[in-house]
Amino acid sequence: MTPTATHTPTTTPTATATPFPQALLDWSSAFVGVWEMEEASNGTRMSTGACTSDCDLTNSGTVAQDTVNRVLGGASASFGQVDGDYLSCD
């Protein structure tokens, strides 16, 4: 008598989906100075980098907050073309 083969059920591994997009990492502490430019118009732009308040940018002129022309975040700094506006690290 020949024994019959017995089928043993096996489970097939299921792939786990990686959620995308993933949350971005905050790299600001890895840089000396980081300015997000989201502060209110005519205010000091605060640094979130390693040098903290030593690298804050002082407003000279009328540097406005622009919530339309921006790349990341909620706003950017908008410089007038005739006023000689600039931000400086004192």
PDB file of N, CA and C in Angstrom:
ATOM      1  N   MET A   1       0.831  -1.169   0.000  1.00  0.00           N
ATOM      2  CA  MET A   1       0.000   0.000   0.000  1.00  0.00           C
ATOM      3  C   MET A   1       0.885   1.246   0.000  1.00  0.00           C
ATOM      4  N   THR A   2       0.535   2.187  -0.861  1.00  0.00           N
ATOM      5  CA  THR A   2       1.303   3.418  -0.983  1.00  0.00           C
ATOM      6  C   THR A   2       0.620   4.521  -0.179  1.00  0.00           C
ATOM      7  N   PRO A   3       1.391   5.191   0.698  1.00  0.00           N
ATOM      8  CA  PRO A   3       0.754   6.265   1.488  1.00  0.00           C
ATOM      9  C   PRO A   3       0.374   7.429   0.582  1.00  0.00           C
ATOM     10  N   THR A   4      -0.716   8.051   0.886  1.00  0.00           N
ATOM     11  CA  THR A   4      -1.155   9.221   0.112  1.00  0.00           C
ATOM     12  C   THR A   4      -0.550  10.483   0.709  1.00  0.00           C
ATOM     13  N   ALA A   5      -0.245  11.425  -0.179  1.00  0.00           N
ATOM     14  CA  ALA A   5       0.348  12.697   0.281  1.00  0.00           C
ATOM     15  C   ALA A   5      -0.705  13.504   1.019  1.00  0.00           C
ATOM     16  N   THR A   6      -0.277  14.094   2.113  1.00  0.00           N
ATOM     17  CA  THR A   6      -1.177  14.942   2.899  1.00  0.00           C
ATOM     18  C   THR A   6      -0.819  16.395   2.649  1.00  0.00           C
ATOM     19  N   HIS A   7      -1.805  17.176   2.279  1.00  0.00           N
ATOM     20  CA  HIS A   7      -1.572  18.602   2.015  1.00  0.00           C
ATOM     21  C   HIS A   7      -1.580  19.367   3.338  1.00  0.00           C
ATOM     22  N   THR A   8      -0.515  20.110   3.570  1.00  0.00           N
ATOM     23  CA  THR A   8      -0.445  20.939   4.768  1.00  0.00           C
ATOM     24  C   THR A   8      -0.649  22.396   4.353  1.00  0.00           C
ATOM     25  N   PRO A   9      -1.729  23.040   4.794  1.00  0.00           N
ATOM     26  CA  PRO A   9      -1.961  24.438   4.392  1.00  0.00           C
ATOM     27  C   PRO A   9      -0.911  25.372   4.995  1.00  0.00           C
ATOM     28  N   THR A  10      -0.443  26.297   4.184  1.00  0.00           N
ATOM     29  CA  THR A  10       0.504  27.310   4.662  1.00  0.00           C
ATOM     30  C   THR A  10      -0.076  28.688   4.360  1.00  0.00           C
ATOM     31  N   THR A  11       0.251  29.629   5.183  1.00  0.00           N
ATOM     32  CA  THR A  11      -0.232  30.996   4.961  1.00  0.00           C
ATOM     33  C   THR A  11       0.791  31.776   4.157  1.00  0.00           C
ATOM     34  N   THR A  12       0.308  32.574   3.260  1.00  0.00           N
ATOM     35  CA  THR A  12       1.169  33.429   2.449  1.00  0.00           C
ATOM     36  C   THR A  12       1.285  34.779   3.144  1.00  0.00           C
ATOM     37  N   PRO A  13       2.519  35.259   3.358  1.00  0.00           N
ATOM     38  CA  PRO A  13       2.659  36.550   4.029  1.00  0.00           C
ATOM     39  C   PRO A  13       2.009  37.669   3.203  1.00  0.00           C
ATOM     40  N   THR A  14       1.374  38.566   3.901  1.00  0.00           N
ATOM     41  CA  THR A  14       0.713  39.703   3.252  1.00  0.00           C
ATOM     42  C   THR A  14       1.586  40.934   3.417  1.00  0.00           C
ATOM     43  N   ALA A  15       1.798  41.653   2.336  1.00  0.00           N
ATOM     44  CA  ALA A  15       2.608  42.880   2.397  1.00  0.00           C
ATOM     45  C   ALA A  15       1.873  43.949   3.201  1.00  0.00           C
ATOM     46  N   THR A  16       2.635  44.679   3.993  1.00  0.00           N
ATOM     47  CA  THR A  16       2.067  45.776   4.767  1.00  0.00           C
ATOM     48  C   THR A  16       2.331  47.079   4.022  1.00  0.00           C
ATOM     49  N   ALA A  17       1.288  47.808   3.769  1.00  0.00           N
ATOM     50  CA  ALA A  17       1.438  49.074   3.037  1.00  0.00           C
ATOM     51  C   ALA A  17       2.086  50.123   3.928  1.00  0.00           C
ATOM     52  N   THR A  18       3.008  50.879   3.355  1.00  0.00           N
ATOM     53  CA  THR A  18       3.636  52.002   4.056  1.00  0.00           C
ATOM     54  C   THR A  18       2.833  53.252   3.752  1.00  0.00           C
ATOM     55  N   PRO A  19       2.345  53.937   4.785  1.00  0.00           N
ATOM     56  CA  PRO A  19       1.552  55.140   4.509  1.00  0.00           C
ATOM     57  C   PRO A  19       2.389  56.202   3.810  1.00  0.00           C
ATOM     58  N   PHE A  20       1.798  56.845   2.835  1.00  0.00           N
ATOM     59  CA  PHE A  20       2.485  57.894   2.090  1.00  0.00           C
ATOM     60  C   PHE A  20       1.504  59.012   1.862  1.00  0.00           C
ATOM     61  N   PRO A  21       1.843  60.253   1.976  1.00  0.00           N
ATOM     62  CA  PRO A  21       3.170  60.707   2.362  1.00  0.00           C
ATOM     63  C   PRO A  21       3.388  60.590   3.867  1.00  0.00           C
ATOM     64  N   GLN A  22       4.612  60.381   4.239  1.00  0.00           N
ATOM     65  CA  GLN A  22       4.961  60.301   5.654  1.00  0.00           C
ATOM     66  C   GLN A  22       5.213  61.701   6.190  1.00  0.00           C
ATOM     67  N   ALA A  23       5.079  61.857   7.483  1.00  0.00           N
ATOM     68  CA  ALA A  23       5.340  63.154   8.109  1.00  0.00           C
ATOM     69  C   ALA A  23       6.806  63.534   7.911  1.00  0.00           C
ATOM     70  N   LEU A  24       7.037  64.800   7.616  1.00  0.00           N
ATOM     71  CA  LEU A  24       8.399  65.278   7.417  1.00  0.00           C
ATOM     72  C   LEU A  24       9.108  65.444   8.748  1.00  0.00           C
ATOM     73  N   LEU A  25      10.390  65.187   8.753  1.00  0.00           N
ATOM     74  CA  LEU A  25      11.187  65.361   9.958  1.00  0.00           C
ATOM     75  C   LEU A  25      11.558  66.827  10.129  1.00  0.00           C
ATOM     76  N   ASP A  26      11.724  67.265  11.362  1.00  0.00           N
ATOM     77  CA  ASP A  26      12.162  68.632  11.642  1.00  0.00           C
ATOM     78  C   ASP A  26      13.677  68.624  11.775  1.00  0.00           C
ATOM     79  N   TRP A  27      14.352  69.186  10.768  1.00  0.00           N
ATOM     80  CA  TRP A  27      15.806  69.215  10.731  1.00  0.00           C
ATOM     81  C   TRP A  27      16.355  70.527  11.270  1.00  0.00           C
ATOM     82  N   SER A  28      15.533  71.440  11.750  1.00  0.00           N
ATOM     83  CA  SER A  28      15.991  72.780  12.095  1.00  0.00           C
ATOM     84  C   SER A  28      17.102  72.790  13.148  1.00  0.00           C
ATOM     85  N   SER A  29      17.100  71.856  14.085  1.00  0.00           N
ATOM     86  CA  SER A  29      18.146  71.844  15.114  1.00  0.00           C
ATOM     87  C   SER A  29      19.501  71.424  14.553  1.00  0.00           C
ATOM     88  N   ALA A  30      19.530  70.836  13.364  1.00  0.00           N
ATOM     89  CA  ALA A  30      20.783  70.406  12.751  1.00  0.00           C
ATOM     90  C   ALA A  30      21.495  71.549  12.027  1.00  0.00           C
ATOM     91  N   PHE A  31      20.832  72.685  11.865  1.00  0.00           N
ATOM     92  CA  PHE A  31      21.405  73.828  11.164  1.00  0.00           C
ATOM     93  C   PHE A  31      21.755  74.929  12.154  1.00  0.00           C
ATOM     94  N   VAL A  32      22.692  75.768  11.799  1.00  0.00           N
ATOM     95  CA  VAL A  32      23.077  76.881  12.669  1.00  0.00           C
ATOM     96  C   VAL A  32      21.953  77.895  12.762  1.00  0.00           C
ATOM     97  N   GLY A  33      21.392  78.296  11.632  1.00  0.00           N
ATOM     98  CA  GLY A  33      20.295  79.264  11.626  1.00  0.00           C
ATOM     99  C   GLY A  33      19.190  78.830  10.690  1.00  0.00           C
ATOM    100  N   VAL A  34      17.958  78.888  11.168  1.00  0.00           N
ATOM    101  CA  VAL A  34      16.790  78.547  10.355  1.00  0.00           C
ATOM    102  C   VAL A  34      15.737  79.620  10.580  1.00  0.00           C
ATOM    103  N   TRP A  35      15.256  80.200   9.490  1.00  0.00           N
ATOM    104  CA  TRP A  35      14.237  81.240   9.590  1.00  0.00           C
ATOM    105  C   TRP A  35      13.040  80.813   8.763  1.00  0.00           C
ATOM    106  N   GLU A  36      11.880  80.705   9.398  1.00  0.00           N
ATOM    107  CA  GLU A  36      10.686  80.254   8.702  1.00  0.00           C
ATOM    108  C   GLU A  36       9.942  81.403   8.031  1.00  0.00           C
ATOM    109  N   MET A  37      10.237  82.636   8.383  1.00  0.00           N
ATOM    110  CA  MET A  37       9.674  83.839   7.762  1.00  0.00           C
ATOM    111  C   MET A  37       8.163  83.939   7.889  1.00  0.00           C
ATOM    112  N   GLU A  38       7.581  83.330   8.920  1.00  0.00           N
ATOM    113  CA  GLU A  38       6.138  83.365   9.091  1.00  0.00           C
ATOM    114  C   GLU A  38       5.683  84.403  10.118  1.00  0.00           C
ATOM    115  N   GLU A  39       6.620  85.155  10.678  1.00  0.00           N
ATOM    116  CA  GLU A  39       6.249  86.149  11.679  1.00  0.00           C
ATOM    117  C   GLU A  39       5.461  87.286  11.042  1.00  0.00           C
ATOM    118  N   ALA A  40       4.767  88.031  11.862  1.00  0.00           N
ATOM    119  CA  ALA A  40       3.957  89.152  11.384  1.00  0.00           C
ATOM    120  C   ALA A  40       4.822  90.209  10.696  1.00  0.00           C
ATOM    121  N   SER A  41       4.174  91.028   9.882  1.00  0.00           N
ATOM    122  CA  SER A  41       4.870  92.094   9.152  1.00  0.00           C
ATOM    123  C   SER A  41       5.657  92.992  10.095  1.00  0.00           C
ATOM    124  N   ASN A  42       6.805  93.466   9.617  1.00  0.00           N
ATOM    125  CA  ASN A  42       7.663  94.414  10.324  1.00  0.00           C
ATOM    126  C   ASN A  42       8.136  93.929  11.687  1.00  0.00           C
ATOM    127  N   GLY A  43       8.212  92.627  11.868  1.00  0.00           N
ATOM    128  CA  GLY A  43       8.678  92.083  13.133  1.00  0.00           C
ATOM    129  C   GLY A  43      10.012  91.387  12.980  1.00  0.00           C
ATOM    130  N   THR A  44      10.600  91.009  14.093  1.00  0.00           N
ATOM    131  CA  THR A  44      11.850  90.255  14.098  1.00  0.00           C
ATOM    132  C   THR A  44      11.560  88.828  13.649  1.00  0.00           C
ATOM    133  N   ARG A  45      12.388  88.296  12.740  1.00  0.00           N
ATOM    134  CA  ARG A  45      12.246  86.908  12.294  1.00  0.00           C
ATOM    135  C   ARG A  45      13.087  86.042  13.221  1.00  0.00           C
ATOM    136  N   MET A  46      12.435  85.138  13.931  1.00  0.00           N
ATOM    137  CA  MET A  46      13.096  84.319  14.935  1.00  0.00           C
ATOM    138  C   MET A  46      13.800  83.115  14.306  1.00  0.00           C
ATOM    139  N   SER A  47      14.984  82.782  14.823  1.00  0.00           N
ATOM    140  CA  SER A  47      15.723  81.618  14.353  1.00  0.00           C
ATOM    141  C   SER A  47      15.354  80.413  15.199  1.00  0.00           C
ATOM    142  N   THR A  48      15.131  79.278  14.531  1.00  0.00           N
ATOM    143  CA  THR A  48      14.873  78.035  15.256  1.00  0.00           C
ATOM    144  C   THR A  48      16.061  77.087  15.143  1.00  0.00           C
ATOM    145  N   GLY A  49      17.181  77.570  14.628  1.00  0.00           N
ATOM    146  CA  GLY A  49      18.375  76.744  14.482  1.00  0.00           C
ATOM    147  C   GLY A  49      19.145  76.639  15.785  1.00  0.00           C
ATOM    148  N   ALA A  50      20.339  76.096  15.706  1.00  0.00           N
ATOM    149  CA  ALA A  50      21.173  75.858  16.883  1.00  0.00           C
ATOM    150  C   ALA A  50      21.594  77.143  17.585  1.00  0.00           C
ATOM    151  N   CYS A  51      21.705  78.271  16.857  1.00  0.00           N
ATOM    152  CA  CYS A  51      22.156  79.509  17.490  1.00  0.00           C
ATOM    153  C   CYS A  51      21.010  80.289  18.134  1.00  0.00           C
ATOM    154  N   THR A  52      19.798  79.802  18.047  1.00  0.00           N
ATOM    155  CA  THR A  52      18.592  80.376  18.666  1.00  0.00           C
ATOM    156  C   THR A  52      18.503  81.887  18.494  1.00  0.00           C
ATOM    157  N   SER A  53      18.271  82.621  19.578  1.00  0.00           N
ATOM    158  CA  SER A  53      18.018  84.065  19.464  1.00  0.00           C
ATOM    159  C   SER A  53      19.233  84.872  19.015  1.00  0.00           C
ATOM    160  N   ASP A  54      20.439  84.305  19.079  1.00  0.00           N
ATOM    161  CA  ASP A  54      21.624  85.011  18.591  1.00  0.00           C
ATOM    162  C   ASP A  54      21.567  85.230  17.079  1.00  0.00           C
ATOM    163  N   CYS A  55      20.741  84.476  16.378  1.00  0.00           N
ATOM    164  CA  CYS A  55      20.641  84.576  14.922  1.00  0.00           C
ATOM    165  C   CYS A  55      19.312  85.167  14.450  1.00  0.00           C
ATOM    166  N   ASP A  56      18.530  85.741  15.361  1.00  0.00           N
ATOM    167  CA  ASP A  56      17.276  86.364  14.943  1.00  0.00           C
ATOM    168  C   ASP A  56      17.563  87.491  13.957  1.00  0.00           C
ATOM    169  N   LEU A  57      16.672  87.667  12.985  1.00  0.00           N
ATOM    170  CA  LEU A  57      16.847  88.692  11.963  1.00  0.00           C
ATOM    171  C   LEU A  57      16.022  89.924  12.309  1.00  0.00           C
ATOM    172  N   THR A  58      16.695  91.061  12.396  1.00  0.00           N
ATOM    173  CA  THR A  58      16.045  92.330  12.715  1.00  0.00           C
ATOM    174  C   THR A  58      15.521  92.954  11.440  1.00  0.00           C
ATOM    175  N   ASN A  59      14.330  93.500  11.523  1.00  0.00           N
ATOM    176  CA  ASN A  59      13.694  94.128  10.374  1.00  0.00           C
ATOM    177  C   ASN A  59      14.226  95.544  10.163  1.00  0.00           C
ATOM    178  N   SER A  60      14.625  95.847   8.952  1.00  0.00           N
ATOM    179  CA  SER A  60      15.034  97.203   8.582  1.00  0.00           C
ATOM    180  C   SER A  60      14.180  97.627   7.396  1.00  0.00           C
ATOM    181  N   GLY A  61      13.342  98.599   7.599  1.00  0.00           N
ATOM    182  CA  GLY A  61      12.419  99.028   6.552  1.00  0.00           C
ATOM    183  C   GLY A  61      11.057  98.431   6.803  1.00  0.00           C
ATOM    184  N   THR A  62      10.398  98.043   5.736  1.00  0.00           N
ATOM    185  CA  THR A  62       9.044  97.495   5.837  1.00  0.00           C
ATOM    186  C   THR A  62       9.022  96.126   5.188  1.00  0.00           C
ATOM    187  N   VAL A  63       9.465  95.109   5.911  1.00  0.00           N
ATOM    188  CA  VAL A  63       9.440  93.743   5.405  1.00  0.00           C
ATOM    189  C   VAL A  63       8.105  93.148   5.839  1.00  0.00           C
ATOM    190  N   ALA A  64       7.250  92.904   4.862  1.00  0.00           N
ATOM    191  CA  ALA A  64       5.893  92.453   5.145  1.00  0.00           C
ATOM    192  C   ALA A  64       5.800  90.933   5.192  1.00  0.00           C
ATOM    193  N   GLN A  65       4.676  90.459   5.690  1.00  0.00           N
ATOM    194  CA  GLN A  65       4.370  89.027   5.696  1.00  0.00           C
ATOM    195  C   GLN A  65       3.513  88.739   4.469  1.00  0.00           C
ATOM    196  N   ASP A  66       3.919  87.780   3.645  1.00  0.00           N
ATOM    197  CA  ASP A  66       3.208  87.434   2.418  1.00  0.00           C
ATOM    198  C   ASP A  66       2.660  86.025   2.556  1.00  0.00           C
ATOM    199  N   THR A  67       1.336  85.886   2.609  1.00  0.00           N
ATOM    200  CA  THR A  67       0.713  84.565   2.751  1.00  0.00           C
ATOM    201  C   THR A  67       0.285  83.975   1.405  1.00  0.00           C
ATOM    202  N   VAL A  68       0.577  84.680   0.299  1.00  0.00           N
ATOM    203  CA  VAL A  68       0.211  84.190  -1.028  1.00  0.00           C
ATOM    204  C   VAL A  68       1.424  83.606  -1.746  1.00  0.00           C
ATOM    205  N   ASN A  69       2.514  84.362  -1.820  1.00  0.00           N
ATOM    206  CA  ASN A  69       3.732  83.930  -2.512  1.00  0.00           C
ATOM    207  C   ASN A  69       4.672  83.279  -1.517  1.00  0.00           C
ATOM    208  N   ARG A  70       4.548  81.980  -1.375  1.00  0.00           N
ATOM    209  CA  ARG A  70       5.333  81.229  -0.401  1.00  0.00           C
ATOM    210  C   ARG A  70       5.621  79.847  -0.948  1.00  0.00           C
ATOM    211  N   VAL A  71       6.579  79.160  -0.354  1.00  0.00           N
ATOM    212  CA  VAL A  71       6.909  77.812  -0.788  1.00  0.00           C
ATOM    213  C   VAL A  71       6.418  76.807   0.254  1.00  0.00           C
ATOM    214  N   LEU A  72       6.897  76.916   1.472  1.00  0.00           N
ATOM    215  CA  LEU A  72       6.480  76.041   2.561  1.00  0.00           C
ATOM    216  C   LEU A  72       5.964  76.894   3.709  1.00  0.00           C
ATOM    217  N   GLY A  73       5.147  76.309   4.552  1.00  0.00           N
ATOM    218  CA  GLY A  73       4.653  77.040   5.706  1.00  0.00           C
ATOM    219  C   GLY A  73       3.505  77.972   5.338  1.00  0.00           C
ATOM    220  N   GLY A  74       3.162  78.843   6.280  1.00  0.00           N
ATOM    221  CA  GLY A  74       2.006  79.712   6.109  1.00  0.00           C
ATOM    222  C   GLY A  74       2.300  81.053   5.489  1.00  0.00           C
ATOM    223  N   ALA A  75       3.575  81.468   5.444  1.00  0.00           N
ATOM    224  CA  ALA A  75       3.896  82.806   4.929  1.00  0.00           C
ATOM    225  C   ALA A  75       5.354  82.881   4.526  1.00  0.00           C
ATOM    226  N   SER A  76       5.710  84.013   3.925  1.00  0.00           N
ATOM    227  CA  SER A  76       7.100  84.311   3.573  1.00  0.00           C
ATOM    228  C   SER A  76       7.351  85.783   3.851  1.00  0.00           C
ATOM    229  N   ALA A  77       8.598  86.202   3.759  1.00  0.00           N
ATOM    230  CA  ALA A  77       8.936  87.618   3.927  1.00  0.00           C
ATOM    231  C   ALA A  77       8.826  88.295   2.565  1.00  0.00           C
ATOM    232  N   SER A  78       8.197  89.466   2.541  1.00  0.00           N
ATOM    233  CA  SER A  78       8.013  90.203   1.297  1.00  0.00           C
ATOM    234  C   SER A  78       8.772  91.525   1.400  1.00  0.00           C
ATOM    235  N   PHE A  79       9.704  91.744   0.486  1.00  0.00           N
ATOM    236  CA  PHE A  79      10.548  92.929   0.504  1.00  0.00           C
ATOM    237  C   PHE A  79      10.069  93.935  -0.530  1.00  0.00           C
ATOM    238  N   GLY A  80       9.916  95.212  -0.106  1.00  0.00           N
ATOM    239  CA  GLY A  80       9.556  96.269  -1.042  1.00  0.00           C
ATOM    240  C   GLY A  80      10.718  96.579  -1.963  1.00  0.00           C
ATOM    241  N   GLN A  81      10.434  97.007  -3.177  1.00  0.00           N
ATOM    242  CA  GLN A  81      11.496  97.239  -4.145  1.00  0.00           C
ATOM    243  C   GLN A  81      12.054  98.649  -4.088  1.00  0.00           C
ATOM    244  N   VAL A  82      11.346  99.593  -3.516  1.00  0.00           N
ATOM    245  CA  VAL A  82      11.845 100.972  -3.507  1.00  0.00           C
ATOM    246  C   VAL A  82      12.292 101.421  -2.124  1.00  0.00           C
ATOM    247  N   ASP A  83      11.914 100.695  -1.089  1.00  0.00           N
ATOM    248  CA  ASP A  83      12.210 101.125   0.281  1.00  0.00           C
ATOM    249  C   ASP A  83      13.576 100.703   0.788  1.00  0.00           C
ATOM    250  N   GLY A  84      14.264  99.805   0.098  1.00  0.00           N
ATOM    251  CA  GLY A  84      15.540  99.304   0.594  1.00  0.00           C
ATOM    252  C   GLY A  84      15.350  98.403   1.810  1.00  0.00           C
ATOM    253  N   ASP A  85      14.298  97.625   1.819  1.00  0.00           N
ATOM    254  CA  ASP A  85      13.996  96.737   2.951  1.00  0.00           C
ATOM    255  C   ASP A  85      14.994  95.593   3.017  1.00  0.00           C
ATOM    256  N   TYR A  86      15.350  95.206   4.219  1.00  0.00           N
ATOM    257  CA  TYR A  86      16.200  94.035   4.399  1.00  0.00           C
ATOM    258  C   TYR A  86      16.071  93.517   5.821  1.00  0.00           C
ATOM    259  N   LEU A  87      16.528  92.294   6.026  1.00  0.00           N
ATOM    260  CA  LEU A  87      16.600  91.666   7.342  1.00  0.00           C
ATOM    261  C   LEU A  87      18.064  91.469   7.659  1.00  0.00           C
ATOM    262  N   SER A  88      18.460  91.752   8.897  1.00  0.00           N
ATOM    263  CA  SER A  88      19.870  91.619   9.249  1.00  0.00           C
ATOM    264  C   SER A  88      20.027  90.912  10.593  1.00  0.00           C
ATOM    265  N   CYS A  89      21.140  90.220  10.735  1.00  0.00           N
ATOM    266  CA  CYS A  89      21.493  89.553  11.972  1.00  0.00           C
ATOM    267  C   CYS A  89      22.496  90.435  12.689  1.00  0.00           C
ATOM    268  N   ASP A  90      22.062  91.058  13.766  1.00  0.00           N
ATOM    269  CA  ASP A  90      22.943  91.995  14.488  1.00  0.00           C
ATOM    270  C   ASP A  90      23.871  91.297  15.444  1.00  0.00           C
TER     271      ASP A  90
END
